[in-house]
PDB file of all heavy atoms in Angstrom:
ATOM      1  N   VAL A   1      12.234-117.729  50.922  1.00  0.00           N
ATOM      2  CA  VAL A   1      11.311-117.967  49.835  1.00  0.00           C
ATOM      3  C   VAL A   1       9.997-117.176  50.025  1.00  0.00           C
ATOM      4  O   VAL A   1       9.495-117.155  51.185  1.00  0.00           O
ATOM      5  CB  VAL A   1      11.028-119.422  49.693  1.00  0.00           C
ATOM      6  CG1 VAL A   1       9.970-119.686  48.517  1.00  0.00           C
ATOM      7  CG2 VAL A   1      12.311-120.186  49.384  1.00  0.00           C
ATOM      8  N   ARG A   2       9.505-116.550  49.041  1.00  0.00           N
ATOM      9  CA  ARG A   2       8.193-115.859  49.131  1.00  0.00           C
ATOM     10  C   ARG A   2       7.280-116.339  47.995  1.00  0.00           C
ATOM     11  O   ARG A   2       7.688-116.651  46.929  1.00  0.00           O
ATOM     12  CB  ARG A   2       8.379-114.360  49.123  1.00  0.00           C
ATOM     13  CG  ARG A   2       8.680-113.746  47.738  1.00  0.00           C
ATOM     14  CD  ARG A   2       7.436-113.176  47.121  1.00  0.00           C
ATOM     15  NE  ARG A   2       7.731-112.445  45.846  1.00  0.00           N
ATOM     16  CZ  ARG A   2       7.506-112.990  44.646  1.00  0.00           C
ATOM     17  NH1 ARG A   2       7.023-114.183  44.558  1.00  0.00           N
ATOM     18  NH2 ARG A   2       7.759-112.291  43.558  1.00  0.00           N
ATOM     19  N   ILE A   3       6.017-116.431  48.337  1.00  0.00           N
ATOM     20  CA  ILE A   3       4.953-116.745  47.352  1.00  0.00           C
ATOM     21  C   ILE A   3       4.021-115.566  47.319  1.00  0.00           C
ATOM     22  O   ILE A   3       3.622-115.006  48.323  1.00  0.00           O
ATOM     23  CB  ILE A   3       4.222-118.058  47.763  1.00  0.00           C
ATOM     24  CG1 ILE A   3       3.119-118.340  46.723  1.00  0.00           C
ATOM     25  CG2 ILE A   3       3.674-118.008  49.147  1.00  0.00           C
ATOM     26  CD1 ILE A   3       2.453-119.712  46.942  1.00  0.00           C
ATOM     27  N   LYS A   4       3.671-115.120  46.068  1.00  0.00           N
ATOM     28  CA  LYS A   4       2.888-113.956  45.931  1.00  0.00           C
ATOM     29  C   LYS A   4       1.716-114.230  44.959  1.00  0.00           C
ATOM     30  O   LYS A   4       1.810-114.812  43.898  1.00  0.00           O
ATOM     31  CB  LYS A   4       3.692-112.783  45.296  1.00  0.00           C
ATOM     32  CG  LYS A   4       2.885-111.545  45.042  1.00  0.00           C
ATOM     33  CD  LYS A   4       3.746-110.354  44.624  1.00  0.00           C
ATOM     34  CE  LYS A   4       4.526-109.831  45.842  1.00  0.00           C
ATOM     35  NZ  LYS A   4       5.250-108.562  45.560  1.00  0.00           N
ATOM     36  N   HIS A   5       0.502-113.826  45.388  1.00  0.00           N
ATOM     37  CA  HIS A   5      -0.729-113.959  44.623  1.00  0.00           C
ATOM     38  C   HIS A   5      -1.140-112.559  44.207  1.00  0.00           C
ATOM     39  O   HIS A   5      -1.287-111.650  45.035  1.00  0.00           O
ATOM     40  CB  HIS A   5      -1.835-114.605  45.410  1.00  0.00           C
ATOM     41  CG  HIS A   5      -1.400-115.866  46.096  1.00  0.00           C
ATOM     42  ND1 HIS A   5      -1.400-117.126  45.541  1.00  0.00           N
ATOM     43  CD2 HIS A   5      -0.906-116.078  47.428  1.00  0.00           C
ATOM     44  CE1 HIS A   5      -0.957-117.979  46.420  1.00  0.00           C
ATOM     45  NE2 HIS A   5      -0.671-117.379  47.554  1.00  0.00           N
ATOM     46  N   ARG A   6      -1.438-112.355  42.877  1.00  0.00           N
ATOM     47  CA  ARG A   6      -1.862-111.090  42.358  1.00  0.00           C
ATOM     48  C   ARG A   6      -3.262-111.094  41.816  1.00  0.00           C
ATOM     49  O   ARG A   6      -3.623-112.027  41.071  1.00  0.00           O
ATOM     50  CB  ARG A   6      -0.919-110.567  41.323  1.00  0.00           C
ATOM     51  CG  ARG A   6       0.584-110.333  41.723  1.00  0.00           C
ATOM     52  CD  ARG A   6       1.402-109.885  40.499  1.00  0.00           C
ATOM     53  NE  ARG A   6       2.777-109.581  40.920  1.00  0.00           N
ATOM     54  CZ  ARG A   6       3.755-110.438  41.047  1.00  0.00           C
ATOM     55  NH1 ARG A   6       3.430-111.722  40.807  1.00  0.00           N
ATOM     56  NH2 ARG A   6       4.943-110.087  41.411  1.00  0.00           N
ATOM     57  N   LEU A   7      -4.004-110.083  42.146  1.00  0.00           N
ATOM     58  CA  LEU A   7      -5.307-109.804  41.526  1.00  0.00           C
ATOM     59  C   LEU A   7      -5.241-108.420  41.001  1.00  0.00           C
ATOM     60  O   LEU A   7      -5.461-107.483  41.820  1.00  0.00           O
ATOM     61  CB  LEU A   7      -6.436-110.058  42.574  1.00  0.00           C
ATOM     62  CG  LEU A   7      -7.888-109.675  42.053  1.00  0.00           C
ATOM     63  CD1 LEU A   7      -8.255-110.483  40.808  1.00  0.00           C
ATOM     64  CD2 LEU A   7      -8.909-109.901  43.140  1.00  0.00           C
ATOM     65  N   GLY A   8      -4.997-108.240  39.763  1.00  0.00           N
ATOM     66  CA  GLY A   8      -4.918-106.872  39.208  1.00  0.00           C
ATOM     67  C   GLY A   8      -3.690-106.205  39.861  1.00  0.00           C
ATOM     68  O   GLY A   8      -2.531-106.755  39.851  1.00  0.00           O
ATOM     69  N   GLN A   9      -3.890-105.078  40.502  1.00  0.00           N
ATOM     70  CA  GLN A   9      -2.830-104.288  41.179  1.00  0.00           C
ATOM     71  C   GLN A   9      -2.679-104.603  42.664  1.00  0.00           C
ATOM     72  O   GLN A   9      -1.833-104.050  43.322  1.00  0.00           O
ATOM     73  CB  GLN A   9      -3.092-102.785  41.017  1.00  0.00           C
ATOM     74  CG  GLN A   9      -3.115-102.369  39.524  1.00  0.00           C
ATOM     75  CD  GLN A   9      -3.366-100.881  39.417  1.00  0.00           C
ATOM     76  OE1 GLN A   9      -2.808-100.081  40.111  1.00  0.00           O
ATOM     77  NE2 GLN A   9      -4.279-100.462  38.547  1.00  0.00           N
ATOM     78  N   ASN A  10      -3.529-105.497  43.161  1.00  0.00           N
ATOM     79  CA  ASN A  10      -3.458-105.874  44.614  1.00  0.00           C
ATOM     80  C   ASN A  10      -2.849-107.242  44.764  1.00  0.00           C
ATOM     81  O   ASN A  10      -2.980-108.100  43.865  1.00  0.00           O
ATOM     82  CB  ASN A  10      -4.871-105.811  45.221  1.00  0.00           C
ATOM     83  CG  ASN A  10      -5.465-104.441  45.068  1.00  0.00           C
ATOM     84  OD1 ASN A  10      -4.777-103.433  45.081  1.00  0.00           O
ATOM     85  ND2 ASN A  10      -6.776-104.404  45.072  1.00  0.00           N
ATOM     86  N   THR A  11      -2.146-107.426  45.842  1.00  0.00           N
ATOM     87  CA  THR A  11      -1.489-108.708  46.102  1.00  0.00           C
ATOM     88  C   THR A  11      -1.576-109.200  47.547  1.00  0.00           C
ATOM     89  O   THR A  11      -1.904-108.391  48.461  1.00  0.00           O
ATOM     90  CB  THR A  11       0.053-108.563  45.790  1.00  0.00           C
ATOM     91  OG1 THR A  11       0.636-107.642  46.755  1.00  0.00           O
ATOM     92  CG2 THR A  11       0.272-108.053  44.391  1.00  0.00           C
ATOM     93  N   ILE A  12      -1.417-110.483  47.715  1.00  0.00           N
ATOM     94  CA  ILE A  12      -1.238-111.044  49.077  1.00  0.00           C
ATOM     95  C   ILE A  12      -0.028-111.932  48.984  1.00  0.00           C
ATOM     96  O   ILE A  12       0.129-112.758  48.113  1.00  0.00           O
ATOM     97  CB  ILE A  12      -2.540-111.806  49.491  1.00  0.00           C
ATOM     98  CG1 ILE A  12      -2.392-112.189  50.964  1.00  0.00           C
ATOM     99  CG2 ILE A  12      -2.873-112.949  48.638  1.00  0.00           C
ATOM    100  CD1 ILE A  12      -3.716-112.593  51.637  1.00  0.00           C
ATOM    101  N   THR A  13       0.871-111.806  49.963  1.00  0.00           N
ATOM    102  CA  THR A  13       2.160-112.385  49.892  1.00  0.00           C
ATOM    103  C   THR A  13       2.513-113.150  51.211  1.00  0.00           C
ATOM    104  O   THR A  13       2.098-112.736  52.276  1.00  0.00           O
ATOM    105  CB  THR A  13       3.269-111.380  49.620  1.00  0.00           C
ATOM    106  OG1 THR A  13       2.888-110.560  48.517  1.00  0.00           O
ATOM    107  CG2 THR A  13       4.615-112.026  49.310  1.00  0.00           C
ATOM    108  N   MET A  14       3.213-114.267  51.107  1.00  0.00           N
ATOM    109  CA  MET A  14       3.664-115.005  52.280  1.00  0.00           C
ATOM    110  C   MET A  14       5.205-115.012  52.256  1.00  0.00           C
ATOM    111  O   MET A  14       5.847-115.339  51.252  1.00  0.00           O
ATOM    112  CB  MET A  14       3.138-116.412  52.320  1.00  0.00           C
ATOM    113  CG  MET A  14       3.641-117.254  53.509  1.00  0.00           C
ATOM    114  SD  MET A  14       2.799-118.855  53.689  1.00  0.00           S
ATOM    115  CE  MET A  14       3.411-119.658  52.224  1.00  0.00           C
ATOM    116  N   TYR A  15       5.806-114.646  53.342  1.00  0.00           N
ATOM    117  CA  TYR A  15       7.315-114.638  53.518  1.00  0.00           C
ATOM    118  C   TYR A  15       7.713-115.455  54.739  1.00  0.00           C
ATOM    119  O   TYR A  15       6.925-115.627  55.669  1.00  0.00           O
ATOM    120  CB  TYR A  15       7.850-113.239  53.806  1.00  0.00           C
ATOM    121  CG  TYR A  15       7.513-112.109  52.785  1.00  0.00           C
ATOM    122  CD1 TYR A  15       6.287-111.457  52.926  1.00  0.00           C
ATOM    123  CD2 TYR A  15       8.360-111.826  51.743  1.00  0.00           C
ATOM    124  CE1 TYR A  15       6.006-110.350  52.064  1.00  0.00           C
ATOM    125  CE2 TYR A  15       8.063-110.811  50.895  1.00  0.00           C
ATOM    126  CZ  TYR A  15       6.921-110.055  51.016  1.00  0.00           C
ATOM    127  OH  TYR A  15       6.601-109.025  50.173  1.00  0.00           O
ATOM    128  N   ASP A  16       8.972-115.913  54.756  1.00  0.00           N
ATOM    129  CA  ASP A  16       9.593-116.312  56.033  1.00  0.00           C
ATOM    130  C   ASP A  16      10.656-115.316  56.309  1.00  0.00           C
ATOM    131  O   ASP A  16      11.570-115.007  55.525  1.00  0.00           O
ATOM    132  CB  ASP A  16      10.187-117.749  55.932  1.00  0.00           C
ATOM    133  CG  ASP A  16      11.182-117.951  54.756  1.00  0.00           C
ATOM    134  OD1 ASP A  16      11.030-117.174  53.723  1.00  0.00           O
ATOM    135  OD2 ASP A  16      12.047-118.749  54.837  1.00  0.00           O
ATOM    136  N   LYS A  17      10.543-114.620  57.446  1.00  0.00           N
ATOM    137  CA  LYS A  17      11.410-113.499  57.804  1.00  0.00           C
ATOM    138  C   LYS A  17      12.342-113.888  58.972  1.00  0.00           C
ATOM    139  O   LYS A  17      11.848-114.384  59.972  1.00  0.00           O
ATOM    140  CB  LYS A  17      10.557-112.263  58.173  1.00  0.00           C
ATOM    141  CG  LYS A  17       9.566-111.853  57.142  1.00  0.00           C
ATOM    142  CD  LYS A  17      10.192-111.061  55.999  1.00  0.00           C
ATOM    143  CE  LYS A  17      10.710-109.748  56.506  1.00  0.00           C
ATOM    144  NZ  LYS A  17      11.275-108.925  55.418  1.00  0.00           N
ATOM    145  N   GLN A  18      13.635-113.612  58.759  1.00  0.00           N
ATOM    146  CA  GLN A  18      14.579-113.801  59.885  1.00  0.00           C
ATOM    147  C   GLN A  18      14.535-115.194  60.473  1.00  0.00           C
ATOM    148  O   GLN A  18      14.898-115.368  61.645  1.00  0.00           O
ATOM    149  CB  GLN A  18      14.376-112.689  60.937  1.00  0.00           C
ATOM    150  CG  GLN A  18      14.518-111.292  60.426  1.00  0.00           C
ATOM    151  CD  GLN A  18      15.930-111.018  59.926  1.00  0.00           C
ATOM    152  OE1 GLN A  18      16.898-111.501  60.435  1.00  0.00           O
ATOM    153  NE2 GLN A  18      16.084-110.161  58.866  1.00  0.00           N
ATOM    154  N   GLY A  19      14.076-116.136  59.744  1.00  0.00           N
ATOM    155  CA  GLY A  19      14.164-117.557  60.137  1.00  0.00           C
ATOM    156  C   GLY A  19      13.056-118.006  61.129  1.00  0.00           C
ATOM    157  O   GLY A  19      12.706-119.172  61.108  1.00  0.00           O
ATOM    158  N   SER A  20      12.412-117.036  61.854  1.00  0.00           N
ATOM    159  CA  SER A  20      11.418-117.400  62.845  1.00  0.00           C
ATOM    160  C   SER A  20      10.095-116.646  62.775  1.00  0.00           C
ATOM    161  O   SER A  20       9.276-116.763  63.657  1.00  0.00           O
ATOM    162  CB  SER A  20      12.011-117.299  64.261  1.00  0.00           C
ATOM    163  OG  SER A  20      12.305-115.962  64.542  1.00  0.00           O
ATOM    164  N   VAL A  21       9.917-115.861  61.728  1.00  0.00           N
ATOM    165  CA  VAL A  21       8.709-115.039  61.545  1.00  0.00           C
ATOM    166  C   VAL A  21       8.003-115.355  60.254  1.00  0.00           C
ATOM    167  O   VAL A  21       8.608-115.325  59.182  1.00  0.00           O
ATOM    168  CB  VAL A  21       9.075-113.569  61.550  1.00  0.00           C
ATOM    169  CG1 VAL A  21       7.748-112.749  61.377  1.00  0.00           C
ATOM    170  CG2 VAL A  21       9.719-113.130  62.890  1.00  0.00           C
ATOM    171  N   LEU A  22       6.761-115.783  60.319  1.00  0.00           N
ATOM    172  CA  LEU A  22       5.929-116.063  59.149  1.00  0.00           C
ATOM    173  C   LEU A  22       5.094-114.812  58.928  1.00  0.00           C
ATOM    174  O   LEU A  22       4.290-114.448  59.831  1.00  0.00           O
ATOM    175  CB  LEU A  22       5.042-117.302  59.382  1.00  0.00           C
ATOM    176  CG  LEU A  22       4.034-117.602  58.292  1.00  0.00           C
ATOM    177  CD1 LEU A  22       4.748-117.979  57.017  1.00  0.00           C
ATOM    178  CD2 LEU A  22       3.014-118.704  58.737  1.00  0.00           C
ATOM    179  N   ARG A  23       5.212-114.198  57.754  1.00  0.00           N
ATOM    180  CA  ARG A  23       4.491-112.997  57.488  1.00  0.00           C
ATOM    181  C   ARG A  23       3.555-113.185  56.340  1.00  0.00           C
ATOM    182  O   ARG A  23       3.901-113.673  55.262  1.00  0.00           O
ATOM    183  CB  ARG A  23       5.469-111.852  57.113  1.00  0.00           C
ATOM    184  CG  ARG A  23       4.761-110.557  56.724  1.00  0.00           C
ATOM    185  CD  ARG A  23       5.773-109.369  56.560  1.00  0.00           C
ATOM    186  NE  ARG A  23       6.341-109.107  57.869  1.00  0.00           N
ATOM    187  CZ  ARG A  23       7.285-108.156  58.071  1.00  0.00           C
ATOM    188  NH1 ARG A  23       7.772-107.516  57.049  1.00  0.00           N
ATOM    189  NH2 ARG A  23       7.683-107.909  59.277  1.00  0.00           N
ATOM    190  N   ILE A  24       2.274-112.747  56.561  1.00  0.00           N
ATOM    191  CA  ILE A  24       1.296-112.646  55.463  1.00  0.00           C
ATOM    192  C   ILE A  24       0.992-111.151  55.278  1.00  0.00           C
ATOM    193  O   ILE A  24       0.651-110.458  56.224  1.00  0.00           O
ATOM    194  CB  ILE A  24       0.006-113.412  55.874  1.00  0.00           C
ATOM    195  CG1 ILE A  24       0.246-114.846  56.361  1.00  0.00           C
ATOM    196  CG2 ILE A  24      -1.008-113.402  54.699  1.00  0.00           C
ATOM    197  CD1 ILE A  24       0.962-115.701  55.356  1.00  0.00           C
ATOM    198  N   GLU A  25       1.146-110.708  54.061  1.00  0.00           N
ATOM    199  CA  GLU A  25       1.071-109.257  53.792  1.00  0.00           C
ATOM    200  C   GLU A  25       0.095-108.992  52.577  1.00  0.00           C
ATOM    201  O   GLU A  25       0.274-109.502  51.543  1.00  0.00           O
ATOM    202  CB  GLU A  25       2.457-108.730  53.490  1.00  0.00           C
ATOM    203  CG  GLU A  25       2.499-107.230  53.224  1.00  0.00           C
ATOM    204  CD  GLU A  25       3.928-106.786  53.010  1.00  0.00           C
ATOM    205  OE1 GLU A  25       4.421-106.881  51.876  1.00  0.00           O
ATOM    206  OE2 GLU A  25       4.593-106.402  53.972  1.00  0.00           O
ATOM    207  N   THR A  26      -0.821-108.073  52.852  1.00  0.00           N
ATOM    208  CA  THR A  26      -1.756-107.632  51.816  1.00  0.00           C
ATOM    209  C   THR A  26      -1.321-106.275  51.331  1.00  0.00           C
ATOM    210  O   THR A  26      -1.220-105.333  52.197  1.00  0.00           O
ATOM    211  CB  THR A  26      -3.225-107.608  52.339  1.00  0.00           C
ATOM    212  OG1 THR A  26      -3.631-109.008  52.587  1.00  0.00           O
ATOM    213  CG2 THR A  26      -4.138-107.038  51.254  1.00  0.00           C
ATOM    214  N   THR A  27      -1.200-106.058  50.039  1.00  0.00           N
ATOM    215  CA  THR A  27      -0.843-104.810  49.450  1.00  0.00           C
ATOM    216  C   THR A  27      -2.045-104.318  48.585  1.00  0.00           C
ATOM    217  O   THR A  27      -2.462-105.049  47.699  1.00  0.00           O
ATOM    218  CB  THR A  27       0.428-104.895  48.625  1.00  0.00           C
ATOM    219  OG1 THR A  27       1.488-105.336  49.446  1.00  0.00           O
ATOM    220  CG2 THR A  27       0.784-103.519  48.002  1.00  0.00           C
ATOM    221  N   ILE A  28      -2.476-103.091  48.894  1.00  0.00           N
ATOM    222  CA  ILE A  28      -3.599-102.558  48.154  1.00  0.00           C
ATOM    223  C   ILE A  28      -3.144-101.337  47.327  1.00  0.00           C
ATOM    224  O   ILE A  28      -2.667-100.337  47.918  1.00  0.00           O
ATOM    225  CB  ILE A  28      -4.798-102.168  49.038  1.00  0.00           C
ATOM    226  CG1 ILE A  28      -5.381-103.422  49.724  1.00  0.00           C
ATOM    227  CG2 ILE A  28      -5.906-101.460  48.231  1.00  0.00           C
ATOM    228  CD1 ILE A  28      -6.494-103.153  50.617  1.00  0.00           C
ATOM    229  N   ASN A  29      -3.241-101.384  46.061  1.00  0.00           N
ATOM    230  CA  ASN A  29      -2.928-100.221  45.179  1.00  0.00           C
ATOM    231  C   ASN A  29      -4.211 -99.683  44.539  1.00  0.00           C
ATOM    232  O   ASN A  29      -4.340 -98.530  44.225  1.00  0.00           O
ATOM    233  CB  ASN A  29      -1.990-100.642  44.049  1.00  0.00           C
ATOM    234  CG  ASN A  29      -0.602-101.001  44.574  1.00  0.00           C
ATOM    235  OD1 ASN A  29       0.152-100.116  44.927  1.00  0.00           O
ATOM    236  ND2 ASN A  29      -0.263-102.297  44.598  1.00  0.00           N
ATOM    237  N   GLN A  30      -5.194-100.620  44.313  1.00  0.00           N
ATOM    238  CA  GLN A  30      -6.465-100.258  43.694  1.00  0.00           C
ATOM    239  C   GLN A  30      -7.613-100.610  44.631  1.00  0.00           C
ATOM    240  O   GLN A  30      -7.790-101.722  45.055  1.00  0.00           O
ATOM    241  CB  GLN A  30      -6.616-101.065  42.444  1.00  0.00           C
ATOM    242  CG  GLN A  30      -7.923-100.896  41.633  1.00  0.00           C
ATOM    243  CD  GLN A  30      -8.182 -99.454  41.307  1.00  0.00           C
ATOM    244  OE1 GLN A  30      -8.985 -98.769  41.975  1.00  0.00           O
ATOM    245  NE2 GLN A  30      -7.537 -98.979  40.245  1.00  0.00           N
ATOM    246  N   VAL A  31      -8.400 -99.521  44.996  1.00  0.00           N
ATOM    247  CA  VAL A  31      -9.466 -99.729  45.960  1.00  0.00           C
ATOM    248  C   VAL A  31     -10.798-100.093  45.304  1.00  0.00           C
ATOM    249  O   VAL A  31     -11.747-100.343  46.007  1.00  0.00           O
ATOM    250  CB  VAL A  31      -9.652 -98.461  46.849  1.00  0.00           C
ATOM    251  CG1 VAL A  31      -8.383 -98.163  47.620  1.00  0.00           C
ATOM    252  CG2 VAL A  31     -10.024 -97.256  45.986  1.00  0.00           C
ATOM    253  N   LYS A  32     -10.853-100.083  44.009  1.00  0.00           N
ATOM    254  CA  LYS A  32     -12.099-100.455  43.326  1.00  0.00           C
ATOM    255  C   LYS A  32     -12.550-101.769  43.706  1.00  0.00           C
ATOM    256  O   LYS A  32     -11.808-102.733  43.714  1.00  0.00           O
ATOM    257  CB  LYS A  32     -11.863-100.353  41.787  1.00  0.00           C
ATOM    258  CG  LYS A  32     -13.121-100.592  40.978  1.00  0.00           C
ATOM    259  CD  LYS A  32     -12.896-100.484  39.481  1.00  0.00           C
ATOM    260  CE  LYS A  32     -14.180-100.705  38.706  1.00  0.00           C
ATOM    261  NZ  LYS A  32     -13.931-100.596  37.213  1.00  0.00           N
ATOM    262  N   GLY A  33     -13.826-101.892  44.050  1.00  0.00           N
ATOM    263  CA  GLY A  33     -14.401-103.167  44.502  1.00  0.00           C
ATOM    264  C   GLY A  33     -14.570-103.308  45.982  1.00  0.00           C
ATOM    265  O   GLY A  33     -15.345-104.124  46.474  1.00  0.00           O
ATOM    266  N   PHE A  34     -13.886-102.457  46.734  1.00  0.00           N
ATOM    267  CA  PHE A  34     -13.991-102.462  48.181  1.00  0.00           C
ATOM    268  C   PHE A  34     -15.069-101.407  48.655  1.00  0.00           C
ATOM    269  O   PHE A  34     -15.227-100.385  48.002  1.00  0.00           O
ATOM    270  CB  PHE A  34     -12.638-102.137  48.841  1.00  0.00           C
ATOM    271  CG  PHE A  34     -11.593-103.167  48.584  1.00  0.00           C
ATOM    272  CD1 PHE A  34     -10.441-102.810  47.910  1.00  0.00           C
ATOM    273  CD2 PHE A  34     -11.781-104.532  48.881  1.00  0.00           C
ATOM    274  CE1 PHE A  34      -9.490-103.762  47.682  1.00  0.00           C
ATOM    275  CE2 PHE A  34     -10.846-105.498  48.694  1.00  0.00           C
ATOM    276  CZ  PHE A  34      -9.660-105.061  48.011  1.00  0.00           C
ATOM    277  N   LYS A  35     -15.675-101.712  49.799  1.00  0.00           N
ATOM    278  CA  LYS A  35     -16.677-100.817  50.312  1.00  0.00           C
ATOM    279  C   LYS A  35     -16.303-100.263  51.722  1.00  0.00           C
ATOM    280  O   LYS A  35     -15.556-100.946  52.449  1.00  0.00           O
ATOM    281  CB  LYS A  35     -18.026-101.592  50.445  1.00  0.00           C
ATOM    282  CG  LYS A  35     -18.510-102.138  49.102  1.00  0.00           C
ATOM    283  CD  LYS A  35     -19.066-101.032  48.168  1.00  0.00           C
ATOM    284  CE  LYS A  35     -19.771-101.630  46.945  1.00  0.00           C
ATOM    285  NZ  LYS A  35     -20.324-100.580  46.057  1.00  0.00           N
ATOM    286  N   THR A  36     -16.874 -99.142  52.033  1.00  0.00           N
ATOM    287  CA  THR A  36     -16.691 -98.601  53.393  1.00  0.00           C
ATOM    288  C   THR A  36     -18.056 -98.041  53.843  1.00  0.00           C
ATOM    289  O   THR A  36     -18.832 -97.514  53.061  1.00  0.00           O
ATOM    290  CB  THR A  36     -15.608 -97.524  53.424  1.00  0.00           C
ATOM    291  OG1 THR A  36     -15.414 -97.055  54.789  1.00  0.00           O
ATOM    292  CG2 THR A  36     -15.939 -96.322  52.534  1.00  0.00           C
ATOM    293  N   PHE A  37     -18.294 -98.152  55.154  1.00  0.00           N
ATOM    294  CA  PHE A  37     -19.575 -97.693  55.691  1.00  0.00           C
ATOM    295  C   PHE A  37     -19.548 -96.186  56.019  1.00  0.00           C
ATOM    296  O   PHE A  37     -18.798 -95.802  56.978  1.00  0.00           O
ATOM    297  CB  PHE A  37     -19.961 -98.498  56.936  1.00  0.00           C
ATOM    298  CG  PHE A  37     -21.379 -98.342  57.434  1.00  0.00           C
ATOM    299  CD1 PHE A  37     -22.415 -98.842  56.663  1.00  0.00           C
ATOM    300  CD2 PHE A  37     -21.615 -97.726  58.617  1.00  0.00           C
ATOM    301  CE1 PHE A  37     -23.711 -98.651  57.138  1.00  0.00           C
ATOM    302  CE2 PHE A  37     -22.939 -97.587  59.087  1.00  0.00           C
ATOM    303  CZ  PHE A  37     -23.980 -98.037  58.307  1.00  0.00           C
ATOM    304  N   ARG A  38     -20.138 -95.369  55.226  1.00  0.00           N
ATOM    305  CA  ARG A  38     -19.996 -93.890  55.430  1.00  0.00           C
ATOM    306  C   ARG A  38     -21.194 -93.235  54.795  1.00  0.00           C
ATOM    307  O   ARG A  38     -21.974 -93.844  54.093  1.00  0.00           O
ATOM    308  CB  ARG A  38     -18.672 -93.411  54.742  1.00  0.00           C
ATOM    309  CG  ARG A  38     -18.617 -93.660  53.219  1.00  0.00           C
ATOM    310  CD  ARG A  38     -17.390 -93.137  52.608  1.00  0.00           C
ATOM    311  NE  ARG A  38     -17.256 -93.429  51.192  1.00  0.00           N
ATOM    312  CZ  ARG A  38     -17.820 -92.696  50.250  1.00  0.00           C
ATOM    313  NH1 ARG A  38     -18.480 -91.581  50.548  1.00  0.00           N
ATOM    314  NH2 ARG A  38     -17.638 -93.005  48.900  1.00  0.00           N
ATOM    315  N   ALA A  39     -21.223 -91.907  55.034  1.00  0.00           N
ATOM    316  CA  ALA A  39     -22.279 -91.068  54.368  1.00  0.00           C
ATOM    317  C   ALA A  39     -21.697 -90.554  53.056  1.00  0.00           C
ATOM    318  O   ALA A  39     -20.500 -90.441  52.901  1.00  0.00           O
ATOM    319  CB  ALA A  39     -22.637 -89.886  55.304  1.00  0.00           C
ATOM    320  N   PRO A  40     -22.599 -90.238  52.164  1.00  0.00           N
ATOM    321  CA  PRO A  40     -22.159 -89.689  50.841  1.00  0.00           C
ATOM    322  C   PRO A  40     -21.379 -88.358  51.079  1.00  0.00           C
ATOM    323  O   PRO A  40     -21.718 -87.602  51.948  1.00  0.00           O
ATOM    324  CB  PRO A  40     -23.423 -89.460  50.047  1.00  0.00           C
ATOM    325  CG  PRO A  40     -24.411 -90.337  50.649  1.00  0.00           C
ATOM    326  CD  PRO A  40     -24.063 -90.424  52.129  1.00  0.00           C
ATOM    327  N   GLU A  41     -20.322 -88.124  50.287  1.00  0.00           N
ATOM    328  CA  GLU A  41     -19.593 -86.906  50.480  1.00  0.00           C
ATOM    329  C   GLU A  41     -20.394 -85.652  50.263  1.00  0.00           C
ATOM    330  O   GLU A  41     -20.189 -84.652  50.869  1.00  0.00           O
ATOM    331  CB  GLU A  41     -18.367 -86.896  49.476  1.00  0.00           C
ATOM    332  CG  GLU A  41     -17.307 -88.031  49.760  1.00  0.00           C
ATOM    333  CD  GLU A  41     -16.145 -87.890  48.816  1.00  0.00           C
ATOM    334  OE1 GLU A  41     -16.270 -87.216  47.773  1.00  0.00           O
ATOM    335  OE2 GLU A  41     -15.188 -88.596  49.133  1.00  0.00           O
TER     336      GLU A  41
END
């Protein structure tokens, strides 16, 4: 069984894998709204 939460094009999902592995997975398709510490291009 998996449960998936979507915010626009980005998701966070919880799986049970191979019976003994709990996986939390973040998928990013859209970077709008996120920041990074850098100099201007």
